[in-house]
């Protein structure tokens, strides 16, 4: 019985050794393949980044990594030379094979860049309410991941007359630094009331229709409304878009008299008070002077609108009332 058990154990070990040997052989025979796209975080590209199953030489540096946010392209001839130099079992099958290497990075958005520039310009005496506009409005910067660091402004120059500025942005981390030149303009801004919704022709403007925005003072037209009191209670002459400066030519006081409508005309003096009917020849709001036709005499006079459907004339047109 013991002899049978020993034979069974020996057979099991033989099978185990045979299986392990085949596994090792299979591992050694795994093919080396090319990685067509690689993302790296360090400053160098390793052999193992480019080739799979590069073995003990995987950690060997073979090229510098591109700058943060950029890419490098390694073509077939270069890859073939690297494989041959490090005795890697790989060769290009065509001249179209390549590896694209990108540097992993953190994005510094435009808003952060503008914030840093604004703070520096304020320190140099610019009005804190000023607005910074970059020449490249979609500009973004890229910083290497995992190195720590900060973005700061250096060598800034600012023309106070034109508002133009130029500055050097420096990103400095533990293992290196990057810099870029930026330019733009800083402008004084004015806070103005605008409409929060589209207002149609004839609609009245209320306090709830108003919101405030900041705009470059230099871009404001002379007739732009900057006081909300000049908007509230007014009527749109035509459709007015939301979130845009409103011009005085786009609004008017609410109509009290419409063209062609009947108007009660009053003339008051110390000695008498006369009232007659007329027909408005123009639209009019309170305080407007419009032309009115006397219904009895067909005489055209000028009258001041005093309310809905009412107007008054002065004593100098007394005879026209008759």
C-alpha atoms as a PDB file:
ATOM      1  CA  UNK A   1       0.000   0.000   0.000  1.00  0.00           C
ATOM      2  CA  UNK A   2       2.832   2.371   0.873  1.00  0.00           C
ATOM      3  CA  UNK A   3       4.552   1.525  -2.389  1.00  0.00           C
ATOM      4  CA  UNK A   4       1.356   2.355  -4.317  1.00  0.00           C
ATOM      5  CA  UNK A   5       1.026   5.706  -2.531  1.00  0.00           C
ATOM      6  CA  UNK A   6       4.625   6.584  -3.356  1.00  0.00           C
ATOM      7  CA  UNK A   7       4.093   5.793  -7.033  1.00  0.00           C
ATOM      8  CA  UNK A   8       0.930   7.953  -7.080  1.00  0.00           C
ATOM      9  CA  UNK A   9       2.792  10.877  -5.406  1.00  0.00           C
ATOM     10  CA  UNK A  10       5.672  10.584  -7.878  1.00  0.00           C
ATOM     11  CA  UNK A  11       3.271  10.610 -10.804  1.00  0.00           C
ATOM     12  CA  UNK A  12       1.503  13.714  -9.456  1.00  0.00           C
ATOM     13  CA  UNK A  13       4.806  15.561  -9.068  1.00  0.00           C
ATOM     14  CA  UNK A  14       5.791  14.640 -12.589  1.00  0.00           C
ATOM     15  CA  UNK A  15       2.531  16.075 -13.928  1.00  0.00           C
ATOM     16  CA  UNK A  16       3.017  19.254 -11.844  1.00  0.00           C
ATOM     17  CA  UNK A  17       6.573  19.735 -13.064  1.00  0.00           C
ATOM     18  CA  UNK A  18       5.528  19.136 -16.634  1.00  0.00           C
ATOM     19  CA  UNK A  19       2.682  21.674 -16.348  1.00  0.00           C
ATOM     20  CA  UNK A  20       4.929  24.293 -14.701  1.00  0.00           C
ATOM     21  CA  UNK A  21       7.542  23.789 -17.373  1.00  0.00           C
ATOM     22  CA  UNK A  22       4.997  24.348 -20.091  1.00  0.00           C
ATOM     23  CA  UNK A  23       3.732  27.510 -18.341  1.00  0.00           C
ATOM     24  CA  UNK A  24       7.227  28.964 -18.111  1.00  0.00           C
ATOM     25  CA  UNK A  25       7.881  28.115 -21.715  1.00  0.00           C
ATOM     26  CA  UNK A  26       4.631  29.753 -22.690  1.00  0.00           C
ATOM     27  CA  UNK A  27       5.554  32.859 -20.683  1.00  0.00           C
ATOM     28  CA  UNK A  28       8.926  33.041 -22.373  1.00  0.00           C
ATOM     29  CA  UNK A  29       7.356  32.605 -25.752  1.00  0.00           C
ATOM     30  CA  UNK A  30       4.791  35.417 -25.362  1.00  0.00           C
ATOM     31  CA  UNK A  31       5.337  37.765 -28.308  1.00  0.00           C
ATOM     32  CA  UNK A  32       6.572  41.331 -27.933  1.00  0.00           C
ATOM     33  CA  UNK A  33       4.048  43.813 -29.306  1.00  0.00           C
ATOM     34  CA  UNK A  34       4.133  47.504 -30.069  1.00  0.00           C
ATOM     35  CA  UNK A  35       1.920  49.941 -28.161  1.00  0.00           C
ATOM     36  CA  UNK A  36       0.506  52.389 -30.685  1.00  0.00           C
ATOM     37  CA  UNK A  37      -0.606  54.955 -28.103  1.00  0.00           C
ATOM     38  CA  UNK A  38       1.065  55.623 -24.761  1.00  0.00           C
ATOM     39  CA  UNK A  39       0.286  58.046 -21.910  1.00  0.00           C
ATOM     40  CA  UNK A  40       3.233  58.815 -19.616  1.00  0.00           C
ATOM     41  CA  UNK A  41       3.485  60.888 -16.442  1.00  0.00           C
ATOM     42  CA  UNK A  42       7.269  61.147 -16.043  1.00  0.00           C
ATOM     43  CA  UNK A  43       9.887  63.107 -17.928  1.00  0.00           C
ATOM     44  CA  UNK A  44      11.156  60.100 -19.909  1.00  0.00           C
ATOM     45  CA  UNK A  45       9.681  57.340 -22.063  1.00  0.00           C
ATOM     46  CA  UNK A  46      10.590  53.809 -20.968  1.00  0.00           C
ATOM     47  CA  UNK A  47      11.167  50.793 -23.172  1.00  0.00           C
ATOM     48  CA  UNK A  48       8.242  49.113 -21.397  1.00  0.00           C
ATOM     49  CA  UNK A  49       5.992  52.015 -22.367  1.00  0.00           C
ATOM     50  CA  UNK A  50       6.560  51.320 -26.031  1.00  0.00           C
ATOM     51  CA  UNK A  51       6.798  47.507 -26.072  1.00  0.00           C
ATOM     52  CA  UNK A  52       4.827  44.945 -24.123  1.00  0.00           C
ATOM     53  CA  UNK A  53       6.798  42.005 -22.714  1.00  0.00           C
ATOM     54  CA  UNK A  54      10.061  43.927 -22.919  1.00  0.00           C
ATOM     55  CA  UNK A  55      11.371  41.837 -20.023  1.00  0.00           C
ATOM     56  CA  UNK A  56      14.018  43.019 -17.582  1.00  0.00           C
ATOM     57  CA  UNK A  57      14.812  46.008 -19.800  1.00  0.00           C
ATOM     58  CA  UNK A  58      11.327  47.481 -19.460  1.00  0.00           C
ATOM     59  CA  UNK A  59      12.519  50.246 -17.127  1.00  0.00           C
ATOM     60  CA  UNK A  60      15.211  51.453 -19.542  1.00  0.00           C
ATOM     61  CA  UNK A  61      14.668  55.085 -20.635  1.00  0.00           C
ATOM     62  CA  UNK A  62      14.752  55.462 -24.412  1.00  0.00           C
ATOM     63  CA  UNK A  63      13.485  59.053 -25.039  1.00  0.00           C
ATOM     64  CA  UNK A  64      12.457  62.281 -23.366  1.00  0.00           C
ATOM     65  CA  UNK A  65       8.727  62.656 -22.772  1.00  0.00           C
ATOM     66  CA  UNK A  66       6.964  65.531 -24.560  1.00  0.00           C
ATOM     67  CA  UNK A  67       5.917  68.629 -22.640  1.00  0.00           C
ATOM     68  CA  UNK A  68       2.692  68.524 -20.665  1.00  0.00           C
ATOM     69  CA  UNK A  69      -0.335  68.502 -22.929  1.00  0.00           C
ATOM     70  CA  UNK A  70       1.741  67.700 -26.024  1.00  0.00           C
ATOM     71  CA  UNK A  71       2.546  64.520 -27.937  1.00  0.00           C
ATOM     72  CA  UNK A  72       5.520  62.926 -29.649  1.00  0.00           C
ATOM     73  CA  UNK A  73       5.389  60.513 -32.583  1.00  0.00           C
ATOM     74  CA  UNK A  74       8.019  57.750 -32.948  1.00  0.00           C
ATOM     75  CA  UNK A  75       8.088  56.277 -36.460  1.00  0.00           C
ATOM     76  CA  UNK A  76       8.817  52.750 -37.674  1.00  0.00           C
ATOM     77  CA  UNK A  77      12.567  53.221 -38.445  1.00  0.00           C
ATOM     78  CA  UNK A  78      13.221  54.688 -34.972  1.00  0.00           C
ATOM     79  CA  UNK A  79      11.234  51.926 -33.275  1.00  0.00           C
ATOM     80  CA  UNK A  80      13.141  49.289 -35.253  1.00  0.00           C
ATOM     81  CA  UNK A  81      16.487  50.729 -34.175  1.00  0.00           C
ATOM     82  CA  UNK A  82      15.424  50.797 -30.516  1.00  0.00           C
ATOM     83  CA  UNK A  83      14.203  47.188 -30.656  1.00  0.00           C
ATOM     84  CA  UNK A  84      17.471  46.068 -32.228  1.00  0.00           C
ATOM     85  CA  UNK A  85      19.610  48.029 -29.754  1.00  0.00           C
ATOM     86  CA  UNK A  86      17.919  46.406 -26.756  1.00  0.00           C
ATOM     87  CA  UNK A  87      17.577  42.977 -28.350  1.00  0.00           C
ATOM     88  CA  UNK A  88      13.777  43.131 -28.398  1.00  0.00           C
ATOM     89  CA  UNK A  89      12.093  40.499 -30.539  1.00  0.00           C
ATOM     90  CA  UNK A  90      10.181  42.942 -32.700  1.00  0.00           C
ATOM     91  CA  UNK A  91      10.587  44.476 -36.148  1.00  0.00           C
ATOM     92  CA  UNK A  92       8.271  46.781 -38.119  1.00  0.00           C
ATOM     93  CA  UNK A  93       6.184  45.063 -40.750  1.00  0.00           C
ATOM     94  CA  UNK A  94       5.551  48.313 -42.602  1.00  0.00           C
ATOM     95  CA  UNK A  95       6.685  51.921 -42.608  1.00  0.00           C
ATOM     96  CA  UNK A  96       3.277  52.986 -41.284  1.00  0.00           C
ATOM     97  CA  UNK A  97       3.764  51.582 -37.798  1.00  0.00           C
ATOM     98  CA  UNK A  98       4.313  54.191 -35.111  1.00  0.00           C
ATOM     99  CA  UNK A  99       3.862  54.990 -31.435  1.00  0.00           C
ATOM    100  CA  UNK A 100       2.221  58.189 -30.199  1.00  0.00           C
ATOM    101  CA  UNK A 101       3.335  59.265 -26.731  1.00  0.00           C
ATOM    102  CA  UNK A 102       1.372  61.878 -24.764  1.00  0.00           C
ATOM    103  CA  UNK A 103       2.323  63.530 -21.481  1.00  0.00           C
ATOM    104  CA  UNK A 104      -0.331  63.255 -18.803  1.00  0.00           C
ATOM    105  CA  UNK A 105      -1.192  66.746 -17.580  1.00  0.00           C
ATOM    106  CA  UNK A 106      -3.453  68.951 -15.529  1.00  0.00           C
ATOM    107  CA  UNK A 107      -5.361  71.662 -17.401  1.00  0.00           C
ATOM    108  CA  UNK A 108      -5.168  75.242 -16.153  1.00  0.00           C
ATOM    109  CA  UNK A 109      -8.335  76.821 -17.517  1.00  0.00           C
ATOM    110  CA  UNK A 110      -8.715  80.304 -18.999  1.00  0.00           C
ATOM    111  CA  UNK A 111     -10.700  81.493 -15.967  1.00  0.00           C
ATOM    112  CA  UNK A 112      -7.811  80.677 -13.627  1.00  0.00           C
ATOM    113  CA  UNK A 113      -5.304  82.410 -15.923  1.00  0.00           C
ATOM    114  CA  UNK A 114      -7.470  85.556 -16.043  1.00  0.00           C
ATOM    115  CA  UNK A 115      -7.909  85.494 -12.269  1.00  0.00           C
ATOM    116  CA  UNK A 116      -4.143  85.387 -11.678  1.00  0.00           C
ATOM    117  CA  UNK A 117      -3.531  88.177 -14.200  1.00  0.00           C
ATOM    118  CA  UNK A 118      -6.317  90.326 -12.733  1.00  0.00           C
ATOM    119  CA  UNK A 119      -4.891  90.021  -9.238  1.00  0.00           C
ATOM    120  CA  UNK A 120      -1.438  91.040 -10.445  1.00  0.00           C
ATOM    121  CA  UNK A 121      -2.819  94.020 -12.376  1.00  0.00           C
ATOM    122  CA  UNK A 122      -4.760  95.158  -9.298  1.00  0.00           C
ATOM    123  CA  UNK A 123      -1.521  95.020  -7.313  1.00  0.00           C
ATOM    124  CA  UNK A 124      -0.051  97.310  -9.989  1.00  0.00           C
ATOM    125  CA  UNK A 125      -2.825  99.870  -9.450  1.00  0.00           C
ATOM    126  CA  UNK A 126      -5.562  98.808 -11.869  1.00  0.00           C
ATOM    127  CA  UNK A 127      -9.154  99.391 -10.730  1.00  0.00           C
ATOM    128  CA  UNK A 128     -10.405  96.145  -9.064  1.00  0.00           C
ATOM    129  CA  UNK A 129     -13.609  96.323 -11.107  1.00  0.00           C
ATOM    130  CA  UNK A 130     -11.671  96.185 -14.388  1.00  0.00           C
ATOM    131  CA  UNK A 131     -12.112  93.307 -16.806  1.00  0.00           C
ATOM    132  CA  UNK A 132      -9.247  91.303 -18.282  1.00  0.00           C
ATOM    133  CA  UNK A 133      -9.583  89.941 -21.824  1.00  0.00           C
ATOM    134  CA  UNK A 134      -6.956  87.598 -23.290  1.00  0.00           C
ATOM    135  CA  UNK A 135      -5.897  87.912 -26.921  1.00  0.00           C
ATOM    136  CA  UNK A 136      -6.341  84.140 -27.126  1.00  0.00           C
ATOM    137  CA  UNK A 137      -9.793  83.841 -25.563  1.00  0.00           C
ATOM    138  CA  UNK A 138      -9.719  80.025 -25.465  1.00  0.00           C
ATOM    139  CA  UNK A 139      -6.217  79.784 -24.028  1.00  0.00           C
ATOM    140  CA  UNK A 140      -5.417  76.889 -21.682  1.00  0.00           C
ATOM    141  CA  UNK A 141      -2.162  75.810 -20.070  1.00  0.00           C
ATOM    142  CA  UNK A 142      -0.995  72.301 -19.250  1.00  0.00           C
ATOM    143  CA  UNK A 143       1.033  71.348 -16.178  1.00  0.00           C
ATOM    144  CA  UNK A 144       2.653  67.929 -15.549  1.00  0.00           C
ATOM    145  CA  UNK A 145       0.640  65.707 -13.217  1.00  0.00           C
ATOM    146  CA  UNK A 146       1.922  64.821  -9.771  1.00  0.00           C
ATOM    147  CA  UNK A 147       4.853  67.208  -9.574  1.00  0.00           C
ATOM    148  CA  UNK A 148       3.207  69.862  -7.417  1.00  0.00           C
ATOM    149  CA  UNK A 149       3.778  73.486  -8.229  1.00  0.00           C
ATOM    150  CA  UNK A 150       2.113  76.825  -8.780  1.00  0.00           C
ATOM    151  CA  UNK A 151       1.335  79.295 -11.524  1.00  0.00           C
ATOM    152  CA  UNK A 152       2.497  82.862 -11.138  1.00  0.00           C
ATOM    153  CA  UNK A 153       2.906  86.024 -13.194  1.00  0.00           C
ATOM    154  CA  UNK A 154       6.292  87.474 -14.026  1.00  0.00           C
ATOM    155  CA  UNK A 155       7.566  90.395 -16.130  1.00  0.00           C
ATOM    156  CA  UNK A 156       4.191  92.037 -16.709  1.00  0.00           C
ATOM    157  CA  UNK A 157       3.955  95.279 -18.677  1.00  0.00           C
ATOM    158  CA  UNK A 158       0.798  97.389 -18.916  1.00  0.00           C
ATOM    159  CA  UNK A 159      -0.042 100.437 -21.043  1.00  0.00           C
ATOM    160  CA  UNK A 160      -2.576 102.440 -19.037  1.00  0.00           C
ATOM    161  CA  UNK A 161      -3.691 104.468 -22.076  1.00  0.00           C
ATOM    162  CA  UNK A 162      -4.556 101.608 -24.434  1.00  0.00           C
ATOM    163  CA  UNK A 163      -5.149  99.048 -21.698  1.00  0.00           C
ATOM    164  CA  UNK A 164      -2.918  96.516 -23.482  1.00  0.00           C
ATOM    165  CA  UNK A 165      -0.712  94.254 -21.387  1.00  0.00           C
ATOM    166  CA  UNK A 166       1.864  91.519 -21.869  1.00  0.00           C
ATOM    167  CA  UNK A 167       3.045  89.063 -19.237  1.00  0.00           C
ATOM    168  CA  UNK A 168       5.050  85.907 -18.714  1.00  0.00           C
ATOM    169  CA  UNK A 169       3.262  83.080 -16.916  1.00  0.00           C
ATOM    170  CA  UNK A 170       5.584  80.730 -15.069  1.00  0.00           C
ATOM    171  CA  UNK A 171       4.589  77.314 -13.808  1.00  0.00           C
ATOM    172  CA  UNK A 172       7.174  75.983 -11.395  1.00  0.00           C
ATOM    173  CA  UNK A 173       7.070  72.497  -9.923  1.00  0.00           C
ATOM    174  CA  UNK A 174       9.358  70.258  -7.901  1.00  0.00           C
ATOM    175  CA  UNK A 175      11.070  68.769 -10.932  1.00  0.00           C
ATOM    176  CA  UNK A 176      10.958  71.517 -13.488  1.00  0.00           C
ATOM    177  CA  UNK A 177       9.224  74.600 -14.796  1.00  0.00           C
ATOM    178  CA  UNK A 178       7.431  75.875 -17.875  1.00  0.00           C
ATOM    179  CA  UNK A 179       6.703  79.378 -19.078  1.00  0.00           C
ATOM    180  CA  UNK A 180       4.495  80.980 -21.678  1.00  0.00           C
ATOM    181  CA  UNK A 181       3.913  84.515 -22.917  1.00  0.00           C
ATOM    182  CA  UNK A 182       0.382  85.930 -22.839  1.00  0.00           C
ATOM    183  CA  UNK A 183      -1.140  89.225 -23.931  1.00  0.00           C
ATOM    184  CA  UNK A 184      -4.470  90.937 -23.707  1.00  0.00           C
ATOM    185  CA  UNK A 185      -6.287  94.044 -22.589  1.00  0.00           C
ATOM    186  CA  UNK A 186      -7.657  95.351 -19.309  1.00  0.00           C
ATOM    187  CA  UNK A 187     -10.657  97.691 -19.445  1.00  0.00           C
ATOM    188  CA  UNK A 188     -12.666  99.683 -16.962  1.00  0.00           C
ATOM    189  CA  UNK A 189     -16.164  98.255 -16.610  1.00  0.00           C
ATOM    190  CA  UNK A 190     -19.557  99.716 -15.899  1.00  0.00           C
ATOM    191  CA  UNK A 191     -22.405  97.852 -14.254  1.00  0.00           C
ATOM    192  CA  UNK A 192     -25.588  98.434 -16.213  1.00  0.00           C
ATOM    193  CA  UNK A 193     -29.197  97.228 -16.067  1.00  0.00           C
ATOM    194  CA  UNK A 194     -30.305  94.898 -18.851  1.00  0.00           C
ATOM    195  CA  UNK A 195     -33.405  92.866 -19.545  1.00  0.00           C
ATOM    196  CA  UNK A 196     -33.518  89.357 -18.100  1.00  0.00           C
ATOM    197  CA  UNK A 197     -35.902  88.226 -20.844  1.00  0.00           C
ATOM    198  CA  UNK A 198     -36.783  89.222 -24.384  1.00  0.00           C
ATOM    199  CA  UNK A 199     -39.257  92.088 -24.344  1.00  0.00           C
ATOM    200  CA  UNK A 200     -41.720  92.376 -27.230  1.00  0.00           C
ATOM    201  CA  UNK A 201     -42.886  95.578 -28.862  1.00  0.00           C
ATOM    202  CA  UNK A 202     -45.481  97.290 -26.675  1.00  0.00           C
ATOM    203  CA  UNK A 203     -44.582  95.351 -23.494  1.00  0.00           C
ATOM    204  CA  UNK A 204     -44.068  97.329 -20.315  1.00  0.00           C
ATOM    205  CA  UNK A 205     -40.797  96.879 -18.411  1.00  0.00           C
ATOM    206  CA  UNK A 206     -41.032  96.089 -14.696  1.00  0.00           C
ATOM    207  CA  UNK A 207     -38.484  95.748 -11.922  1.00  0.00           C
ATOM    208  CA  UNK A 208     -38.646  91.957 -12.255  1.00  0.00           C
ATOM    209  CA  UNK A 209     -37.480  92.214 -15.884  1.00  0.00           C
ATOM    210  CA  UNK A 210     -34.134  93.774 -14.914  1.00  0.00           C
ATOM    211  CA  UNK A 211     -30.785  92.224 -14.052  1.00  0.00           C
ATOM    212  CA  UNK A 212     -27.301  93.743 -13.829  1.00  0.00           C
ATOM    213  CA  UNK A 213     -24.215  92.931 -15.862  1.00  0.00           C
ATOM    214  CA  UNK A 214     -20.722  94.359 -16.189  1.00  0.00           C
ATOM    215  CA  UNK A 215     -19.573  95.595 -19.576  1.00  0.00           C
ATOM    216  CA  UNK A 216     -16.485  97.361 -20.869  1.00  0.00           C
ATOM    217  CA  UNK A 217     -17.052 101.072 -20.422  1.00  0.00           C
ATOM    218  CA  UNK A 218     -15.382 101.844 -23.734  1.00  0.00           C
ATOM    219  CA  UNK A 219     -17.883  99.666 -25.610  1.00  0.00           C
ATOM    220  CA  UNK A 220     -20.975 101.419 -24.247  1.00  0.00           C
ATOM    221  CA  UNK A 221     -22.810 103.615 -26.731  1.00  0.00           C
ATOM    222  CA  UNK A 222     -23.663 107.135 -25.624  1.00  0.00           C
ATOM    223  CA  UNK A 223     -27.404 106.476 -25.462  1.00  0.00           C
ATOM    224  CA  UNK A 224     -27.071 103.241 -23.464  1.00  0.00           C
ATOM    225  CA  UNK A 225     -29.200 103.246 -20.312  1.00  0.00           C
ATOM    226  CA  UNK A 226     -27.112 102.929 -17.128  1.00  0.00           C
ATOM    227  CA  UNK A 227     -29.789 103.744 -14.513  1.00  0.00           C
ATOM    228  CA  UNK A 228     -32.506 101.180 -13.883  1.00  0.00           C
ATOM    229  CA  UNK A 229     -34.945 103.984 -13.024  1.00  0.00           C
ATOM    230  CA  UNK A 230     -34.830 104.974 -16.687  1.00  0.00           C
ATOM    231  CA  UNK A 231     -36.084 101.495 -17.634  1.00  0.00           C
ATOM    232  CA  UNK A 232     -38.765 100.662 -15.093  1.00  0.00           C
ATOM    233  CA  UNK A 233     -42.237 101.594 -16.306  1.00  0.00           C
ATOM    234  CA  UNK A 234     -41.124 102.143 -19.891  1.00  0.00           C
ATOM    235  CA  UNK A 235     -42.514 100.427 -23.002  1.00  0.00           C
ATOM    236  CA  UNK A 236     -40.521  98.724 -25.743  1.00  0.00           C
ATOM    237  CA  UNK A 237     -40.735 100.439 -29.121  1.00  0.00           C
ATOM    238  CA  UNK A 238     -39.632  97.181 -30.726  1.00  0.00           C
ATOM    239  CA  UNK A 239     -38.464  93.750 -29.602  1.00  0.00           C
ATOM    240  CA  UNK A 240     -35.451  94.050 -27.287  1.00  0.00           C
ATOM    241  CA  UNK A 241     -33.056  91.124 -26.728  1.00  0.00           C
ATOM    242  CA  UNK A 242     -32.142  89.966 -23.235  1.00  0.00           C
ATOM    243  CA  UNK A 243     -28.749  90.595 -21.623  1.00  0.00           C
ATOM    244  CA  UNK A 244     -27.759  93.436 -23.961  1.00  0.00           C
ATOM    245  CA  UNK A 245     -27.410  97.160 -23.208  1.00  0.00           C
ATOM    246  CA  UNK A 246     -30.709  98.941 -23.805  1.00  0.00           C
ATOM    247  CA  UNK A 247     -30.640 102.200 -25.776  1.00  0.00           C
ATOM    248  CA  UNK A 248     -32.942 105.136 -25.173  1.00  0.00           C
ATOM    249  CA  UNK A 249     -34.128 104.876 -28.776  1.00  0.00           C
ATOM    250  CA  UNK A 250     -35.545 101.403 -28.025  1.00  0.00           C
ATOM    251  CA  UNK A 251     -37.976 102.460 -25.284  1.00  0.00           C
ATOM    252  CA  UNK A 252     -40.591 105.093 -24.598  1.00  0.00           C
ATOM    253  CA  UNK A 253     -43.049 106.052 -21.921  1.00  0.00           C
ATOM    254  CA  UNK A 254     -46.270 103.979 -22.032  1.00  0.00           C
ATOM    255  CA  UNK A 255     -48.708 105.241 -24.649  1.00  0.00           C
ATOM    256  CA  UNK A 256     -51.594 107.263 -23.242  1.00  0.00           C
ATOM    257  CA  UNK A 257     -53.000 108.158 -26.647  1.00  0.00           C
ATOM    258  CA  UNK A 258     -52.824 106.139 -29.845  1.00  0.00           C
ATOM    259  CA  UNK A 259     -52.831 107.622 -33.311  1.00  0.00           C
ATOM    260  CA  UNK A 260     -56.396 107.945 -34.649  1.00  0.00           C
ATOM    261  CA  UNK A 261     -58.028 107.603 -31.236  1.00  0.00           C
ATOM    262  CA  UNK A 262     -60.452 110.060 -29.664  1.00  0.00           C
ATOM    263  CA  UNK A 263     -58.948 112.651 -27.335  1.00  0.00           C
ATOM    264  CA  UNK A 264     -60.619 114.926 -24.800  1.00  0.00           C
ATOM    265  CA  UNK A 265     -58.996 118.343 -25.201  1.00  0.00           C
ATOM    266  CA  UNK A 266     -59.093 120.793 -22.316  1.00  0.00           C
ATOM    267  CA  UNK A 267     -58.244 124.464 -22.147  1.00  0.00           C
ATOM    268  CA  UNK A 268     -58.131 126.053 -18.716  1.00  0.00           C
ATOM    269  CA  UNK A 269     -57.553 129.750 -17.909  1.00  0.00           C
ATOM    270  CA  UNK A 270     -58.294 131.960 -14.926  1.00  0.00           C
ATOM    271  CA  UNK A 271     -61.583 132.960 -16.473  1.00  0.00           C
ATOM    272  CA  UNK A 272     -62.876 129.836 -18.122  1.00  0.00           C
ATOM    273  CA  UNK A 273     -62.564 126.121 -18.790  1.00  0.00           C
ATOM    274  CA  UNK A 274     -63.281 124.692 -22.231  1.00  0.00           C
ATOM    275  CA  UNK A 275     -63.541 121.041 -23.243  1.00  0.00           C
ATOM    276  CA  UNK A 276     -63.927 119.576 -26.687  1.00  0.00           C
ATOM    277  CA  UNK A 277     -63.263 116.383 -28.582  1.00  0.00           C
ATOM    278  CA  UNK A 278     -60.483 115.768 -31.039  1.00  0.00           C
ATOM    279  CA  UNK A 279     -58.672 113.025 -32.942  1.00  0.00           C
ATOM    280  CA  UNK A 280     -55.026 112.190 -32.262  1.00  0.00           C
ATOM    281  CA  UNK A 281     -52.817 112.432 -35.309  1.00  0.00           C
ATOM    282  CA  UNK A 282     -49.844 110.832 -33.501  1.00  0.00           C
ATOM    283  CA  UNK A 283     -49.067 108.396 -30.738  1.00  0.00           C
ATOM    284  CA  UNK A 284     -48.330 110.049 -27.432  1.00  0.00           C
ATOM    285  CA  UNK A 285     -47.177 109.315 -23.889  1.00  0.00           C
ATOM    286  CA  UNK A 286     -47.663 111.454 -20.808  1.00  0.00           C
ATOM    287  CA  UNK A 287     -45.918 114.779 -21.317  1.00  0.00           C
ATOM    288  CA  UNK A 288     -45.600 114.424 -25.099  1.00  0.00           C
ATOM    289  CA  UNK A 289     -46.773 117.230 -27.376  1.00  0.00           C
ATOM    290  CA  UNK A 290     -48.759 115.761 -30.251  1.00  0.00           C
ATOM    291  CA  UNK A 291     -50.918 117.099 -33.078  1.00  0.00           C
ATOM    292  CA  UNK A 292     -54.651 116.815 -32.515  1.00  0.00           C
ATOM    293  CA  UNK A 293     -57.486 117.625 -34.914  1.00  0.00           C
ATOM    294  CA  UNK A 294     -60.419 119.520 -33.382  1.00  0.00           C
ATOM    295  CA  UNK A 295     -63.496 117.429 -34.223  1.00  0.00           C
ATOM    296  CA  UNK A 296     -65.747 120.518 -34.519  1.00  0.00           C
ATOM    297  CA  UNK A 297     -63.529 122.782 -36.629  1.00  0.00           C
ATOM    298  CA  UNK A 298     -61.051 120.254 -38.101  1.00  0.00           C
ATOM    299  CA  UNK A 299     -58.340 122.663 -36.998  1.00  0.00           C
ATOM    300  CA  UNK A 300     -55.047 120.975 -36.139  1.00  0.00           C
ATOM    301  CA  UNK A 301     -53.552 122.080 -32.834  1.00  0.00           C
ATOM    302  CA  UNK A 302     -50.739 120.908 -30.574  1.00  0.00           C
ATOM    303  CA  UNK A 303     -51.676 119.463 -27.210  1.00  0.00           C
ATOM    304  CA  UNK A 304     -49.804 117.966 -24.284  1.00  0.00           C
ATOM    305  CA  UNK A 305     -50.828 114.478 -23.213  1.00  0.00           C
ATOM    306  CA  UNK A 306     -51.933 114.526 -19.559  1.00  0.00           C
ATOM    307  CA  UNK A 307     -53.356 111.019 -19.189  1.00  0.00           C
ATOM    308  CA  UNK A 308     -55.143 108.222 -21.015  1.00  0.00           C
ATOM    309  CA  UNK A 309     -57.169 109.863 -23.789  1.00  0.00           C
ATOM    310  CA  UNK A 310     -56.741 113.392 -22.436  1.00  0.00           C
ATOM    311  CA  UNK A 311     -54.700 116.390 -23.497  1.00  0.00           C
ATOM    312  CA  UNK A 312     -54.476 120.086 -22.708  1.00  0.00           C
ATOM    313  CA  UNK A 313     -53.662 123.192 -24.687  1.00  0.00           C
ATOM    314  CA  UNK A 314     -52.482 126.599 -23.562  1.00  0.00           C
ATOM    315  CA  UNK A 315     -54.400 129.842 -23.887  1.00  0.00           C
ATOM    316  CA  UNK A 316     -52.563 130.883 -27.035  1.00  0.00           C
ATOM    317  CA  UNK A 317     -54.626 128.332 -28.990  1.00  0.00           C
ATOM    318  CA  UNK A 318     -57.899 129.432 -27.434  1.00  0.00           C
ATOM    319  CA  UNK A 319     -59.397 130.429 -30.738  1.00  0.00           C
ATOM    320  CA  UNK A 320     -58.605 127.015 -32.247  1.00  0.00           C
ATOM    321  CA  UNK A 321     -60.839 125.360 -29.658  1.00  0.00           C
ATOM    322  CA  UNK A 322     -63.902 127.176 -30.993  1.00  0.00           C
END
